[in-house]
N, C-alpha and C. Protein backbone atom coordinates (compact mmCIF):
# COMPACT_ATOMS: atom_id res chain seq x y z
N MET A 1 87.68 115.00 107.89
CA MET A 1 87.69 113.88 108.85
C MET A 1 88.49 114.24 110.10
N VAL A 2 89.65 114.90 109.91
CA VAL A 2 90.53 115.20 111.03
C VAL A 2 90.57 116.69 111.27
N LYS A 3 90.26 117.14 112.47
CA LYS A 3 90.31 118.55 112.81
C LYS A 3 91.75 118.96 113.07
N THR A 4 92.03 120.25 112.82
CA THR A 4 93.39 120.75 113.03
C THR A 4 93.86 120.49 114.45
N SER A 5 92.97 120.63 115.40
CA SER A 5 93.34 120.42 116.80
C SER A 5 93.67 118.97 117.11
N ASP A 6 93.28 118.07 116.20
CA ASP A 6 93.50 116.65 116.44
C ASP A 6 94.81 116.15 115.82
N HIS A 7 95.53 117.00 115.11
CA HIS A 7 96.68 116.54 114.34
C HIS A 7 97.72 115.82 115.19
N ASP A 8 98.12 116.43 116.31
CA ASP A 8 99.18 115.82 117.09
C ASP A 8 98.74 114.55 117.81
N SER A 9 97.42 114.39 118.02
CA SER A 9 96.95 113.16 118.62
C SER A 9 96.96 112.02 117.60
N LEU A 10 96.82 112.37 116.32
CA LEU A 10 96.84 111.36 115.27
C LEU A 10 98.26 111.08 114.82
N VAL A 11 99.03 112.13 114.58
CA VAL A 11 100.42 112.00 114.15
C VAL A 11 101.27 112.88 115.06
N PRO A 12 102.03 112.28 115.97
CA PRO A 12 102.86 113.07 116.89
C PRO A 12 103.78 114.03 116.14
N GLY A 13 103.75 115.31 116.52
CA GLY A 13 104.59 116.31 115.88
C GLY A 13 104.31 116.44 114.40
N SER A 14 103.03 116.50 114.03
CA SER A 14 102.64 116.42 112.63
C SER A 14 103.32 117.45 111.74
N SER A 15 103.60 118.64 112.24
CA SER A 15 104.18 119.70 111.41
C SER A 15 105.60 119.39 110.97
N LYS A 16 106.33 118.58 111.72
CA LYS A 16 107.74 118.33 111.37
C LYS A 16 107.90 117.39 110.18
N TRP A 17 106.80 116.76 109.73
CA TRP A 17 106.89 115.82 108.61
C TRP A 17 106.65 116.51 107.27
N ARG A 18 106.43 117.80 107.28
CA ARG A 18 106.13 118.56 106.08
C ARG A 18 107.26 118.40 105.05
N GLY A 19 106.89 118.04 103.83
CA GLY A 19 107.85 117.92 102.73
C GLY A 19 108.65 116.64 102.72
N LEU A 20 108.48 115.78 103.72
CA LEU A 20 109.27 114.55 103.79
C LEU A 20 108.60 113.40 103.04
N ARG A 21 109.39 112.38 102.75
CA ARG A 21 108.91 111.19 102.03
C ARG A 21 108.79 110.06 103.05
N ILE A 22 107.56 109.61 103.27
CA ILE A 22 107.27 108.66 104.36
C ILE A 22 106.64 107.39 103.81
N GLY A 23 107.21 106.25 104.16
CA GLY A 23 106.61 104.97 103.84
C GLY A 23 105.66 104.55 104.95
N LEU A 24 104.49 104.07 104.59
CA LEU A 24 103.49 103.62 105.57
C LEU A 24 103.40 102.10 105.53
N LEU A 25 103.78 101.46 106.62
CA LEU A 25 103.71 100.00 106.71
C LEU A 25 102.68 99.64 107.77
N GLY A 26 101.48 99.30 107.32
CA GLY A 26 100.42 98.97 108.24
C GLY A 26 100.35 97.47 108.49
N GLY A 27 99.81 97.10 109.65
CA GLY A 27 99.66 95.69 109.95
C GLY A 27 99.37 95.43 111.40
N SER A 28 99.14 94.16 111.69
CA SER A 28 98.86 93.76 113.07
C SER A 28 100.13 93.69 113.90
N PHE A 29 101.26 93.41 113.24
CA PHE A 29 102.54 93.23 113.94
C PHE A 29 102.36 92.23 115.07
N ASN A 30 101.92 91.04 114.67
CA ASN A 30 101.50 90.01 115.63
C ASN A 30 102.36 88.74 115.52
N PRO A 31 103.65 88.83 115.88
CA PRO A 31 104.37 89.99 116.42
C PRO A 31 105.20 90.68 115.34
N ALA A 32 105.80 91.82 115.71
CA ALA A 32 106.77 92.47 114.85
C ALA A 32 108.00 91.56 114.75
N HIS A 33 108.64 91.54 113.57
CA HIS A 33 109.77 90.62 113.38
C HIS A 33 110.77 91.18 112.38
N GLU A 34 111.83 90.42 112.14
CA GLU A 34 112.91 90.87 111.27
C GLU A 34 112.45 91.14 109.84
N GLY A 35 111.39 90.45 109.41
CA GLY A 35 110.87 90.68 108.08
C GLY A 35 110.35 92.10 107.91
N HIS A 36 109.72 92.64 108.95
CA HIS A 36 109.25 94.03 108.91
C HIS A 36 110.42 94.99 108.77
N LEU A 37 111.48 94.71 109.50
CA LEU A 37 112.69 95.53 109.41
C LEU A 37 113.29 95.45 108.01
N HIS A 38 113.33 94.24 107.47
CA HIS A 38 113.92 94.02 106.14
C HIS A 38 113.19 94.84 105.08
N VAL A 39 111.86 94.76 105.06
CA VAL A 39 111.07 95.51 104.08
C VAL A 39 111.26 97.01 104.29
N SER A 40 111.27 97.45 105.54
CA SER A 40 111.41 98.87 105.83
C SER A 40 112.75 99.41 105.35
N ARG A 41 113.80 98.65 105.58
CA ARG A 41 115.12 99.09 105.14
C ARG A 41 115.23 99.08 103.62
N GLN A 42 114.62 98.08 103.00
CA GLN A 42 114.58 98.06 101.54
C GLN A 42 113.84 99.28 101.01
N ALA A 43 112.73 99.62 101.66
CA ALA A 43 111.95 100.78 101.23
C ALA A 43 112.72 102.07 101.39
N LEU A 44 113.39 102.24 102.51
CA LEU A 44 114.18 103.44 102.75
C LEU A 44 115.23 103.63 101.65
N ALA A 45 115.89 102.54 101.28
CA ALA A 45 116.96 102.62 100.29
C ALA A 45 116.43 102.74 98.87
N THR A 46 115.49 101.85 98.50
CA THR A 46 115.02 101.78 97.11
C THR A 46 114.15 102.97 96.74
N LEU A 47 113.30 103.39 97.66
CA LEU A 47 112.37 104.48 97.37
C LEU A 47 112.92 105.83 97.81
N GLU A 48 114.09 105.82 98.42
CA GLU A 48 114.74 107.04 98.92
C GLU A 48 113.81 107.81 99.85
N LEU A 49 113.31 107.07 100.87
CA LEU A 49 112.41 107.65 101.85
C LEU A 49 113.19 108.28 103.00
N ASP A 50 112.52 109.18 103.70
CA ASP A 50 113.12 109.78 104.89
C ASP A 50 112.84 108.94 106.14
N PHE A 51 111.63 108.38 106.20
CA PHE A 51 111.23 107.56 107.34
C PHE A 51 110.24 106.50 106.87
N VAL A 52 110.08 105.48 107.72
CA VAL A 52 109.00 104.51 107.55
C VAL A 52 108.20 104.50 108.84
N TRP A 53 106.89 104.68 108.70
CA TRP A 53 106.00 104.59 109.87
C TRP A 53 105.40 103.20 109.94
N TRP A 54 105.53 102.57 111.09
CA TRP A 54 104.86 101.30 111.35
C TRP A 54 103.52 101.62 112.01
N LEU A 55 102.44 101.34 111.31
CA LEU A 55 101.10 101.65 111.80
C LEU A 55 100.48 100.37 112.37
N VAL A 56 100.51 100.27 113.67
CA VAL A 56 100.05 99.05 114.35
C VAL A 56 98.54 99.07 114.47
N SER A 57 97.89 98.09 113.87
CA SER A 57 96.42 98.04 113.85
C SER A 57 95.88 97.34 115.10
N PRO A 58 94.89 97.94 115.77
CA PRO A 58 94.27 97.27 116.92
C PRO A 58 93.60 95.96 116.51
N GLN A 59 92.98 95.94 115.31
CA GLN A 59 92.28 94.74 114.86
C GLN A 59 92.22 94.74 113.33
N ASN A 60 92.87 93.76 112.72
CA ASN A 60 92.78 93.58 111.27
C ASN A 60 91.46 92.87 110.96
N PRO A 61 90.55 93.50 110.18
CA PRO A 61 89.25 92.88 109.92
C PRO A 61 89.32 91.58 109.13
N LEU A 62 90.47 91.30 108.52
CA LEU A 62 90.62 90.07 107.74
C LEU A 62 91.27 88.94 108.54
N LYS A 63 91.56 89.21 109.81
CA LYS A 63 92.22 88.20 110.63
C LYS A 63 91.39 87.84 111.85
N ASP A 64 91.62 86.65 112.35
CA ASP A 64 90.89 86.13 113.49
C ASP A 64 91.33 86.85 114.77
N ARG A 65 90.38 87.48 115.44
CA ARG A 65 90.71 88.22 116.66
C ARG A 65 91.34 87.32 117.72
N GLN A 66 90.93 86.04 117.74
CA GLN A 66 91.45 85.13 118.76
C GLN A 66 92.94 84.86 118.59
N GLU A 67 93.48 85.07 117.40
CA GLU A 67 94.90 84.84 117.17
C GLU A 67 95.76 86.04 117.52
N LEU A 68 95.12 87.17 117.80
CA LEU A 68 95.86 88.40 118.06
C LEU A 68 96.30 88.49 119.52
N ALA A 69 97.57 88.85 119.71
CA ALA A 69 98.05 89.18 121.05
C ALA A 69 97.43 90.52 121.44
N PRO A 70 97.41 90.87 122.73
CA PRO A 70 96.86 92.16 123.15
C PRO A 70 97.53 93.31 122.40
N PHE A 71 96.73 94.32 122.07
CA PHE A 71 97.25 95.44 121.29
C PHE A 71 98.47 96.09 121.95
N GLU A 72 98.41 96.31 123.26
CA GLU A 72 99.52 96.97 123.95
C GLU A 72 100.81 96.18 123.82
N ASP A 73 100.70 94.84 123.83
CA ASP A 73 101.89 94.00 123.68
C ASP A 73 102.45 94.10 122.27
N ARG A 74 101.56 94.15 121.27
CA ARG A 74 102.02 94.24 119.88
C ARG A 74 102.67 95.59 119.60
N LEU A 75 102.09 96.65 120.16
CA LEU A 75 102.65 97.99 119.98
C LEU A 75 104.02 98.08 120.64
N ALA A 76 104.14 97.58 121.84
CA ALA A 76 105.42 97.61 122.55
C ALA A 76 106.46 96.76 121.82
N GLY A 77 106.03 95.59 121.31
CA GLY A 77 106.95 94.73 120.58
C GLY A 77 107.45 95.37 119.30
N ALA A 78 106.57 96.11 118.62
CA ALA A 78 106.97 96.80 117.40
C ALA A 78 107.98 97.90 117.70
N LYS A 79 107.76 98.64 118.78
CA LYS A 79 108.70 99.70 119.15
C LYS A 79 110.06 99.11 119.50
N LEU A 80 110.05 97.98 120.17
CA LEU A 80 111.31 97.32 120.53
C LEU A 80 112.02 96.80 119.29
N MET A 81 111.28 96.19 118.38
CA MET A 81 111.87 95.63 117.17
C MET A 81 112.40 96.72 116.25
N ALA A 82 111.68 97.83 116.13
CA ALA A 82 112.08 98.89 115.19
C ALA A 82 113.48 99.38 115.51
N GLY A 83 113.68 99.83 116.72
CA GLY A 83 115.01 100.19 117.20
C GLY A 83 115.85 101.00 116.23
N ASP A 84 115.25 101.90 115.48
CA ASP A 84 115.95 102.64 114.44
C ASP A 84 115.31 104.02 114.35
N SER A 85 116.13 105.04 114.27
CA SER A 85 115.60 106.40 114.23
C SER A 85 114.81 106.68 112.96
N LYS A 86 114.96 105.82 111.95
CA LYS A 86 114.23 105.98 110.70
C LYS A 86 112.86 105.30 110.74
N MET A 87 112.60 104.53 111.80
CA MET A 87 111.31 103.84 111.95
C MET A 87 110.52 104.53 113.07
N VAL A 88 109.30 104.87 112.79
CA VAL A 88 108.43 105.51 113.78
C VAL A 88 107.21 104.62 113.97
N VAL A 89 106.97 104.22 115.21
CA VAL A 89 105.90 103.26 115.51
C VAL A 89 104.77 103.95 116.28
N PHE A 90 103.57 103.88 115.76
CA PHE A 90 102.41 104.39 116.48
C PHE A 90 101.14 103.79 115.88
N SER A 91 99.98 104.20 116.41
CA SER A 91 98.73 103.61 115.96
C SER A 91 97.68 104.70 115.74
N PRO A 92 97.64 105.29 114.54
CA PRO A 92 96.61 106.31 114.27
C PRO A 92 95.20 105.75 114.36
N GLU A 93 95.04 104.44 114.17
CA GLU A 93 93.70 103.85 114.26
C GLU A 93 93.13 103.98 115.66
N GLN A 94 93.99 104.02 116.67
CA GLN A 94 93.52 104.19 118.03
C GLN A 94 92.82 105.54 118.17
N SER A 95 93.40 106.57 117.55
CA SER A 95 92.80 107.91 117.62
C SER A 95 91.57 108.01 116.73
N LEU A 96 91.62 107.34 115.57
CA LEU A 96 90.52 107.43 114.62
C LEU A 96 89.32 106.58 115.02
N GLY A 97 89.58 105.49 115.75
CA GLY A 97 88.51 104.58 116.08
C GLY A 97 88.04 103.79 114.88
N THR A 98 88.96 103.52 113.94
CA THR A 98 88.61 102.77 112.73
C THR A 98 89.51 101.55 112.60
N LYS A 99 89.11 100.61 111.74
CA LYS A 99 89.91 99.41 111.53
C LYS A 99 90.23 99.19 110.06
N PHE A 100 89.98 100.20 109.23
CA PHE A 100 90.21 100.05 107.80
C PHE A 100 91.36 100.94 107.32
N SER A 101 92.25 100.35 106.52
CA SER A 101 93.42 101.08 106.04
C SER A 101 93.02 102.31 105.23
N TYR A 102 91.95 102.20 104.46
CA TYR A 102 91.50 103.33 103.65
C TYR A 102 91.26 104.56 104.51
N ASP A 103 90.56 104.39 105.63
CA ASP A 103 90.26 105.52 106.51
C ASP A 103 91.54 106.12 107.09
N VAL A 104 92.49 105.26 107.42
CA VAL A 104 93.76 105.73 107.98
C VAL A 104 94.52 106.55 106.94
N ILE A 105 94.59 106.05 105.71
CA ILE A 105 95.32 106.74 104.65
C ILE A 105 94.70 108.11 104.37
N VAL A 106 93.37 108.16 104.29
CA VAL A 106 92.68 109.43 104.06
C VAL A 106 92.99 110.41 105.20
N ALA A 107 92.90 109.94 106.44
CA ALA A 107 93.13 110.81 107.59
C ALA A 107 94.56 111.31 107.64
N LEU A 108 95.52 110.46 107.33
CA LEU A 108 96.91 110.89 107.33
C LEU A 108 97.15 111.94 106.25
N GLY A 109 96.51 111.76 105.11
CA GLY A 109 96.64 112.75 104.05
C GLY A 109 96.08 114.10 104.45
N GLU A 110 94.99 114.09 105.21
CA GLU A 110 94.39 115.33 105.69
C GLU A 110 95.23 115.96 106.79
N THR A 111 95.82 115.11 107.62
CA THR A 111 96.62 115.58 108.74
C THR A 111 97.95 116.17 108.27
N CYS A 112 98.56 115.52 107.29
CA CYS A 112 99.87 115.93 106.77
C CYS A 112 99.78 116.14 105.27
N PRO A 113 99.08 117.18 104.83
CA PRO A 113 98.83 117.36 103.40
C PRO A 113 100.08 117.63 102.57
N HIS A 114 101.17 118.04 103.22
CA HIS A 114 102.40 118.35 102.48
C HIS A 114 103.48 117.30 102.67
N THR A 115 103.07 116.12 103.14
CA THR A 115 103.97 114.98 103.29
C THR A 115 103.74 114.03 102.13
N HIS A 116 104.82 113.46 101.62
CA HIS A 116 104.74 112.55 100.47
C HIS A 116 104.70 111.11 100.99
N PHE A 117 103.49 110.54 101.03
CA PHE A 117 103.31 109.20 101.56
C PHE A 117 103.41 108.14 100.46
N VAL A 118 103.91 106.97 100.83
CA VAL A 118 103.89 105.77 99.98
C VAL A 118 103.39 104.62 100.84
N TRP A 119 102.39 103.90 100.35
CA TRP A 119 101.89 102.73 101.07
C TRP A 119 102.78 101.53 100.73
N LEU A 120 103.28 100.86 101.76
CA LEU A 120 104.17 99.71 101.59
C LEU A 120 103.41 98.43 101.89
N MET A 121 103.61 97.41 101.07
CA MET A 121 103.00 96.12 101.36
C MET A 121 103.84 95.00 100.77
N GLY A 122 103.70 93.81 101.33
CA GLY A 122 104.35 92.63 100.79
C GLY A 122 103.49 92.05 99.67
N ALA A 123 104.11 91.22 98.83
CA ALA A 123 103.39 90.61 97.72
C ALA A 123 102.24 89.74 98.21
N ASP A 124 102.35 89.18 99.41
CA ASP A 124 101.26 88.38 99.97
C ASP A 124 100.03 89.24 100.19
N ASN A 125 100.23 90.47 100.65
CA ASN A 125 99.09 91.38 100.84
C ASN A 125 98.53 91.87 99.52
N MET A 126 99.39 91.97 98.50
CA MET A 126 98.90 92.39 97.19
C MET A 126 97.90 91.36 96.64
N VAL A 127 98.15 90.08 96.92
CA VAL A 127 97.25 89.02 96.46
C VAL A 127 95.86 89.19 97.04
N GLN A 128 95.78 89.52 98.32
CA GLN A 128 94.47 89.66 98.98
C GLN A 128 93.96 91.09 98.99
N PHE A 129 94.67 91.99 98.36
CA PHE A 129 94.30 93.41 98.38
C PHE A 129 92.87 93.68 97.92
N PRO A 130 92.35 92.98 96.89
CA PRO A 130 90.97 93.22 96.48
C PRO A 130 89.91 92.93 97.54
N ALA A 131 90.31 92.26 98.62
CA ALA A 131 89.38 92.01 99.72
C ALA A 131 89.35 93.18 100.71
N TRP A 132 90.26 94.14 100.54
CA TRP A 132 90.30 95.28 101.43
C TRP A 132 89.17 96.26 101.10
N ARG A 133 88.72 96.97 102.10
CA ARG A 133 87.69 97.97 101.87
C ARG A 133 88.24 99.12 101.02
N ASN A 134 87.50 99.49 99.95
CA ASN A 134 87.86 100.61 99.08
C ASN A 134 89.28 100.47 98.50
N TRP A 135 89.65 99.25 98.12
CA TRP A 135 91.02 99.03 97.67
C TRP A 135 91.35 99.82 96.41
N ARG A 136 90.39 99.98 95.53
CA ARG A 136 90.64 100.77 94.32
C ARG A 136 90.87 102.24 94.66
N ARG A 137 90.13 102.75 95.62
CA ARG A 137 90.33 104.13 96.05
C ARG A 137 91.70 104.31 96.69
N ILE A 138 92.17 103.30 97.42
CA ILE A 138 93.51 103.38 98.00
C ILE A 138 94.53 103.57 96.88
N CYS A 139 94.37 102.80 95.81
CA CYS A 139 95.29 102.92 94.67
C CYS A 139 95.24 104.31 94.05
N GLU A 140 94.10 104.95 94.18
CA GLU A 140 93.90 106.26 93.54
C GLU A 140 94.36 107.43 94.40
N ILE A 141 94.63 107.19 95.69
CA ILE A 141 94.97 108.31 96.56
C ILE A 141 96.39 108.24 97.13
N VAL A 142 97.09 107.12 96.96
CA VAL A 142 98.44 107.04 97.50
C VAL A 142 99.29 106.12 96.61
N PRO A 143 100.54 106.51 96.32
CA PRO A 143 101.44 105.60 95.59
C PRO A 143 101.67 104.33 96.43
N ILE A 144 101.88 103.22 95.76
CA ILE A 144 102.03 101.93 96.45
C ILE A 144 103.30 101.23 95.99
N ALA A 145 104.05 100.73 96.95
CA ALA A 145 105.24 99.92 96.66
C ALA A 145 105.02 98.52 97.21
N VAL A 146 105.14 97.54 96.34
CA VAL A 146 104.94 96.14 96.71
C VAL A 146 106.30 95.45 96.74
N PHE A 147 106.59 94.74 97.82
CA PHE A 147 107.86 94.06 97.98
C PHE A 147 107.65 92.55 97.90
N ASP A 148 108.50 91.91 97.12
CA ASP A 148 108.36 90.47 96.90
C ASP A 148 108.45 89.70 98.21
N ARG A 149 107.69 88.63 98.27
CA ARG A 149 107.72 87.70 99.40
C ARG A 149 107.86 86.30 98.84
N PRO A 150 108.52 85.39 99.58
CA PRO A 150 108.72 84.03 99.07
C PRO A 150 107.43 83.37 98.62
N GLY A 151 107.36 82.97 97.36
CA GLY A 151 106.22 82.23 96.83
C GLY A 151 105.05 83.07 96.38
N TYR A 152 105.17 84.40 96.40
CA TYR A 152 104.02 85.25 96.10
C TYR A 152 104.16 86.12 94.86
N SER A 153 105.32 86.16 94.24
CA SER A 153 105.50 87.09 93.12
C SER A 153 104.55 86.78 91.96
N LEU A 154 104.42 85.52 91.59
CA LEU A 154 103.56 85.17 90.46
C LEU A 154 102.09 85.46 90.74
N PRO A 155 101.51 84.97 91.86
CA PRO A 155 100.10 85.30 92.11
C PRO A 155 99.86 86.79 92.28
N ALA A 156 100.83 87.52 92.80
CA ALA A 156 100.65 88.96 92.98
C ALA A 156 100.61 89.67 91.63
N LEU A 157 101.54 89.32 90.76
CA LEU A 157 101.67 90.04 89.49
C LEU A 157 100.67 89.56 88.43
N THR A 158 99.92 88.51 88.73
CA THR A 158 98.86 88.08 87.82
C THR A 158 97.48 88.27 88.45
N GLY A 159 97.46 88.90 89.63
CA GLY A 159 96.21 89.08 90.36
C GLY A 159 95.42 90.29 89.91
N GLU A 160 94.31 90.52 90.60
CA GLU A 160 93.35 91.56 90.20
C GLU A 160 93.93 92.96 90.26
N MET A 161 94.69 93.25 91.31
CA MET A 161 95.24 94.60 91.42
C MET A 161 96.21 94.88 90.29
N ALA A 162 97.12 93.93 90.04
CA ALA A 162 98.12 94.12 88.99
C ALA A 162 97.46 94.30 87.62
N GLN A 163 96.42 93.53 87.37
CA GLN A 163 95.73 93.62 86.08
C GLN A 163 94.91 94.91 85.97
N SER A 164 94.24 95.29 87.05
CA SER A 164 93.39 96.48 87.02
C SER A 164 94.20 97.77 86.86
N PHE A 165 95.40 97.79 87.42
CA PHE A 165 96.22 99.00 87.37
C PHE A 165 97.53 98.77 86.61
N ALA A 166 97.46 97.89 85.62
CA ALA A 166 98.66 97.54 84.86
C ALA A 166 99.32 98.75 84.22
N LYS A 167 98.54 99.64 83.65
CA LYS A 167 99.11 100.78 82.94
C LYS A 167 99.70 101.83 83.89
N HIS A 168 99.47 101.65 85.18
CA HIS A 168 99.99 102.60 86.17
C HIS A 168 101.21 102.05 86.90
N ARG A 169 101.73 100.93 86.43
CA ARG A 169 102.90 100.33 87.08
C ARG A 169 104.16 101.09 86.70
N LEU A 170 104.95 101.42 87.70
CA LEU A 170 106.22 102.11 87.52
C LEU A 170 107.35 101.08 87.51
N ALA A 171 108.25 101.17 86.56
CA ALA A 171 109.38 100.25 86.49
C ALA A 171 110.21 100.33 87.76
N ALA A 172 110.73 99.20 88.19
CA ALA A 172 111.46 99.14 89.46
C ALA A 172 112.67 100.07 89.46
N HIS A 173 113.31 100.25 88.31
CA HIS A 173 114.50 101.10 88.29
C HIS A 173 114.14 102.58 88.43
N GLN A 174 112.84 102.90 88.40
CA GLN A 174 112.39 104.27 88.61
C GLN A 174 111.75 104.46 89.98
N ALA A 175 111.88 103.46 90.84
CA ALA A 175 111.18 103.45 92.13
C ALA A 175 111.55 104.64 93.02
N SER A 176 112.73 105.20 92.86
CA SER A 176 113.14 106.31 93.71
C SER A 176 112.26 107.54 93.51
N SER A 177 111.53 107.60 92.41
CA SER A 177 110.66 108.75 92.14
C SER A 177 109.22 108.51 92.58
N LEU A 178 108.91 107.33 93.11
CA LEU A 178 107.53 106.95 93.41
C LEU A 178 106.84 107.95 94.34
N ALA A 179 107.52 108.37 95.39
CA ALA A 179 106.91 109.25 96.39
C ALA A 179 106.52 110.61 95.82
N ASP A 180 107.10 110.98 94.70
CA ASP A 180 106.83 112.29 94.13
C ASP A 180 105.75 112.26 93.04
N LEU A 181 105.25 111.09 92.71
CA LEU A 181 104.30 110.95 91.62
C LEU A 181 102.86 110.96 92.11
N ASP A 182 101.97 111.40 91.25
CA ASP A 182 100.55 111.42 91.59
C ASP A 182 99.94 110.03 91.33
N PRO A 183 99.17 109.53 92.28
CA PRO A 183 98.50 108.24 92.08
C PRO A 183 97.35 108.36 91.09
N PRO A 184 96.95 107.23 90.50
CA PRO A 184 97.42 105.87 90.80
C PRO A 184 98.79 105.58 90.19
N VAL A 185 99.68 105.02 91.00
CA VAL A 185 100.98 104.56 90.55
C VAL A 185 101.49 103.54 91.56
N TRP A 186 102.08 102.48 91.06
CA TRP A 186 102.61 101.44 91.95
C TRP A 186 103.83 100.81 91.31
N THR A 187 104.63 100.17 92.13
CA THR A 187 105.80 99.48 91.63
C THR A 187 106.00 98.18 92.40
N PHE A 188 106.66 97.24 91.78
CA PHE A 188 106.95 95.94 92.41
C PHE A 188 108.45 95.82 92.55
N ILE A 189 108.90 95.62 93.79
CA ILE A 189 110.33 95.57 94.08
C ILE A 189 110.77 94.12 94.31
N SER A 190 111.59 93.61 93.40
CA SER A 190 112.15 92.26 93.56
C SER A 190 113.48 92.39 94.29
N CYS A 191 113.42 92.26 95.59
CA CYS A 191 114.61 92.44 96.43
C CYS A 191 115.01 91.09 97.05
N GLN A 192 116.07 91.11 97.82
CA GLN A 192 116.46 89.91 98.55
C GLN A 192 115.31 89.51 99.47
N LEU A 193 114.91 88.25 99.40
CA LEU A 193 113.75 87.79 100.16
C LEU A 193 114.12 87.46 101.60
N HIS A 194 113.17 87.72 102.49
CA HIS A 194 113.35 87.39 103.90
C HIS A 194 112.33 86.33 104.28
N PRO A 195 112.76 85.22 104.89
CA PRO A 195 111.85 84.10 105.13
C PRO A 195 110.92 84.27 106.32
N GLN A 196 111.17 85.27 107.17
CA GLN A 196 110.41 85.36 108.41
C GLN A 196 109.00 85.88 108.17
N SER A 197 108.06 85.36 108.96
CA SER A 197 106.67 85.84 108.94
C SER A 197 106.08 85.68 110.32
N ALA A 198 105.06 86.51 110.60
CA ALA A 198 104.41 86.43 111.91
C ALA A 198 103.73 85.08 112.10
N THR A 199 103.17 84.54 111.02
CA THR A 199 102.50 83.23 111.10
C THR A 199 103.49 82.16 111.50
N LYS A 200 104.67 82.18 110.90
CA LYS A 200 105.70 81.19 111.22
C LYS A 200 106.13 81.30 112.68
N ILE A 201 106.27 82.54 113.16
CA ILE A 201 106.67 82.76 114.54
C ILE A 201 105.61 82.22 115.49
N ARG A 202 104.34 82.50 115.19
CA ARG A 202 103.26 82.02 116.09
C ARG A 202 103.19 80.51 116.10
N LYS A 203 103.38 79.87 114.94
CA LYS A 203 103.38 78.42 114.89
C LYS A 203 104.52 77.84 115.70
N GLY A 204 105.67 78.49 115.66
CA GLY A 204 106.81 78.05 116.45
C GLY A 204 106.56 78.18 117.93
N GLN A 205 105.91 79.27 118.31
CA GLN A 205 105.58 79.46 119.72
C GLN A 205 104.58 78.43 120.21
N THR A 206 103.61 78.10 119.36
CA THR A 206 102.61 77.08 119.71
C THR A 206 103.26 75.73 119.89
N ALA A 207 104.19 75.40 118.98
CA ALA A 207 104.87 74.11 119.05
C ALA A 207 105.69 74.00 120.32
N LYS A 208 106.35 75.09 120.73
CA LYS A 208 107.16 75.06 121.94
C LYS A 208 106.30 74.91 123.18
N ALA A 209 105.08 75.44 123.11
CA ALA A 209 104.19 75.39 124.27
C ALA A 209 103.61 74.01 124.50
N LYS A 210 103.65 73.15 123.48
CA LYS A 210 103.06 71.80 123.61
C LYS A 210 104.00 70.85 124.33
């Protein structure tokens, strides 16, 4: 999918990530907020990662395009919010011309074959994960770490993904080894919850505008 000559356009400085443990946090970042930082910092500590990449999506196929702020604004907002040398913000989907996480994960694996990736998601995304394109294949090609979100732990852990890959669940106290394991493997991290969400922020902005 990705030519050698395209590596740096997809992943800036692709060769320097060799051998590192990288968390992938994809999303619209509409807008980026403290909750993204909270999950990223939890991932860095719990999974013993070297970096977390924030992958800003031009268009989430499961979300209403009319609710999205312009891509350039969301990308700039994510870079401003990250503000940490351990967070790297970019948009491989812009180079790939795709809107599906599966394609991004495959391309990143081809671009950085010696990097240890972990897909990061909140429990809310785990609930809707079966609606994602090729979601079972995603489970089979990259380790996954799910972080608890207020009100979502029960539906997430009783949902289709949890049931389908139950025997591949890694105990939370072993999460530091997740990046080194061959998929399918996933873990659920019950950490301190953060109340912030992009939906809540947008509703607050709408209310102020009235």
